[in-house]
Each structure stands twice: as C-alpha cells, then as structure tokens.
C-alpha atoms as a PDB file:
ATOM      1  CA  UNK A   1      47.686 -19.343  -7.677  1.00  0.00           C
ATOM      2  CA  UNK A   2      48.564 -17.188  -4.677  1.00  0.00           C
ATOM      3  CA  UNK A   3      48.982 -20.223  -2.438  1.00  0.00           C
ATOM      4  CA  UNK A   4      51.436 -21.743  -4.915  1.00  0.00           C
ATOM      5  CA  UNK A   5      53.481 -18.544  -4.911  1.00  0.00           C
ATOM      6  CA  UNK A   6      53.563 -18.469  -1.128  1.00  0.00           C
ATOM      7  CA  UNK A   7      54.620 -22.112  -0.935  1.00  0.00           C
ATOM      8  CA  UNK A   8      57.347 -21.489  -3.504  1.00  0.00           C
ATOM      9  CA  UNK A   9      58.572 -18.524  -1.457  1.00  0.00           C
ATOM     10  CA  UNK A  10      58.715 -20.685   1.665  1.00  0.00           C
ATOM     11  CA  UNK A  11      60.608 -23.355  -0.235  1.00  0.00           C
ATOM     12  CA  UNK A  12      63.155 -20.811  -1.498  1.00  0.00           C
ATOM     13  CA  UNK A  13      63.589 -19.307   1.967  1.00  0.00           C
ATOM     14  CA  UNK A  14      64.081 -22.790   3.405  1.00  0.00           C
ATOM     15  CA  UNK A  15      66.743 -23.559   0.802  1.00  0.00           C
ATOM     16  CA  UNK A  16      68.510 -20.270   1.506  1.00  0.00           C
ATOM     17  CA  UNK A  17      68.466 -20.973   5.246  1.00  0.00           C
ATOM     18  CA  UNK A  18      69.739 -24.515   4.694  1.00  0.00           C
ATOM     19  CA  UNK A  19      72.689 -23.223   2.683  1.00  0.00           C
ATOM     20  CA  UNK A  20      73.425 -20.012   4.596  1.00  0.00           C
ATOM     21  CA  UNK A  21      73.033 -20.897   8.286  1.00  0.00           C
ATOM     22  CA  UNK A  22      76.239 -22.965   8.560  1.00  0.00           C
ATOM     23  CA  UNK A  23      78.165 -20.199   6.819  1.00  0.00           C
ATOM     24  CA  UNK A  24      76.807 -17.197   8.738  1.00  0.00           C
ATOM     25  CA  UNK A  25      79.248 -15.667  11.217  1.00  0.00           C
ATOM     26  CA  UNK A  26      76.729 -15.412  14.080  1.00  0.00           C
ATOM     27  CA  UNK A  27      79.215 -16.119  16.876  1.00  0.00           C
ATOM     28  CA  UNK A  28      81.900 -13.698  15.678  1.00  0.00           C
ATOM     29  CA  UNK A  29      82.478 -10.294  17.229  1.00  0.00           C
ATOM     30  CA  UNK A  30      81.867  -7.010  15.474  1.00  0.00           C
ATOM     31  CA  UNK A  31      79.994  -6.197  12.324  1.00  0.00           C
ATOM     32  CA  UNK A  32      80.131  -9.735  10.940  1.00  0.00           C
ATOM     33  CA  UNK A  33      78.209 -11.117  13.914  1.00  0.00           C
ATOM     34  CA  UNK A  34      75.600  -8.380  13.707  1.00  0.00           C
ATOM     35  CA  UNK A  35      75.153  -9.076  10.007  1.00  0.00           C
ATOM     36  CA  UNK A  36      74.582 -12.772  10.662  1.00  0.00           C
ATOM     37  CA  UNK A  37      72.010 -12.071  13.355  1.00  0.00           C
ATOM     38  CA  UNK A  38      70.212  -9.463  11.237  1.00  0.00           C
ATOM     39  CA  UNK A  39      70.127 -11.842   8.270  1.00  0.00           C
ATOM     40  CA  UNK A  40      68.595 -14.609  10.373  1.00  0.00           C
ATOM     41  CA  UNK A  41      65.993 -12.237  11.844  1.00  0.00           C
ATOM     42  CA  UNK A  42      64.937 -11.031   8.397  1.00  0.00           C
ATOM     43  CA  UNK A  43      64.754 -14.592   7.074  1.00  0.00           C
ATOM     44  CA  UNK A  44      62.583 -15.652  10.017  1.00  0.00           C
ATOM     45  CA  UNK A  45      60.327 -12.645   9.471  1.00  0.00           C
ATOM     46  CA  UNK A  46      59.914 -13.679   5.826  1.00  0.00           C
ATOM     47  CA  UNK A  47      59.021 -17.218   6.907  1.00  0.00           C
ATOM     48  CA  UNK A  48      56.516 -15.866   9.420  1.00  0.00           C
ATOM     49  CA  UNK A  49      54.922 -13.534   6.892  1.00  0.00           C
ATOM     50  CA  UNK A  50      54.485 -16.237   4.290  1.00  0.00           C
ATOM     51  CA  UNK A  51      53.170 -18.675   6.878  1.00  0.00           C
ATOM     52  CA  UNK A  52      50.622 -16.142   8.131  1.00  0.00           C
ATOM     53  CA  UNK A  53      49.521 -15.421   4.571  1.00  0.00           C
ATOM     54  CA  UNK A  54      48.995 -19.129   3.922  1.00  0.00           C
ATOM     55  CA  UNK A  55      47.066 -19.561   7.167  1.00  0.00           C
ATOM     56  CA  UNK A  56      44.655 -16.696   6.502  1.00  0.00           C
ATOM     57  CA  UNK A  57      44.171 -17.292   2.759  1.00  0.00           C
ATOM     58  CA  UNK A  58      41.552 -20.066   3.035  1.00  0.00           C
ATOM     59  CA  UNK A  59      39.226 -17.969   5.185  1.00  0.00           C
ATOM     60  CA  UNK A  60      38.885 -15.351   2.465  1.00  0.00           C
ATOM     61  CA  UNK A  61      38.336 -17.983  -0.203  1.00  0.00           C
ATOM     62  CA  UNK A  62      35.701 -19.742   1.897  1.00  0.00           C
ATOM     63  CA  UNK A  63      33.678 -16.540   2.191  1.00  0.00           C
ATOM     64  CA  UNK A  64      33.851 -15.979  -1.547  1.00  0.00           C
ATOM     65  CA  UNK A  65      32.931 -19.597  -2.233  1.00  0.00           C
ATOM     66  CA  UNK A  66      29.954 -19.414   0.128  1.00  0.00           C
ATOM     67  CA  UNK A  67      28.681 -16.271  -1.580  1.00  0.00           C
ATOM     68  CA  UNK A  68      29.058 -17.841  -5.023  1.00  0.00           C
ATOM     69  CA  UNK A  69      27.412 -21.049  -3.845  1.00  0.00           C
ATOM     70  CA  UNK A  70      24.450 -19.091  -2.488  1.00  0.00           C
ATOM     71  CA  UNK A  71      24.059 -17.315  -5.839  1.00  0.00           C
ATOM     72  CA  UNK A  72      24.216 -20.620  -7.726  1.00  0.00           C
ATOM     73  CA  UNK A  73      21.572 -22.100  -5.430  1.00  0.00           C
ATOM     74  CA  UNK A  74      19.279 -19.123  -6.054  1.00  0.00           C
ATOM     75  CA  UNK A  75      19.671 -19.513  -9.814  1.00  0.00           C
ATOM     76  CA  UNK A  76      18.937 -23.248  -9.637  1.00  0.00           C
ATOM     77  CA  UNK A  77      15.838 -22.655  -7.525  1.00  0.00           C
ATOM     78  CA  UNK A  78      14.564 -20.128 -10.072  1.00  0.00           C
ATOM     79  CA  UNK A  79      15.086 -22.630 -12.872  1.00  0.00           C
ATOM     80  CA  UNK A  80      13.015 -25.310 -11.143  1.00  0.00           C
ATOM     81  CA  UNK A  81      10.079 -23.014 -10.385  1.00  0.00           C
END
C-alpha cells in the first residue's frame, strides 16, 4: 500500500515537472528566476525523498517477513511433533 502511494507521488511529480519545466522562468533576472530555481529544487527534493523511501521500504518488509516466517516454521514444527 505504501509503495503504491510513493509510486503515485513520483508519477504526479513527474507529470508536474513535464508540464512546468518549459514554462518556468529560470533564465530570467529578478524574483521570477529565483522562483523558478526554488521550484525546481523543491521538486527534485520531493523526487529524491520518494525515491529514498521506495529504496529503503523493502528492507523493513524483509525483516518483518523473516520474523513471521520463523514463527510459522516454529508452529509447523510443533504440529508435526
């Protein structure tokens, strides 16, 4: 469930970047240029955060799965004895 949400967030950020990057006034002088740069930096930070969350999610799930698998094995061994 969490992985789906993170992938959806990345998809939405990608769509926003696809639409907004050609329209951002990055090369202009003054406040407009600073806004464009700040917007791009924040969007890239959001992409990085979601990517990091996706990368580290499976490790936590693997530990939980291993613990559950060990418990299931113990229960099965008790049933056979």
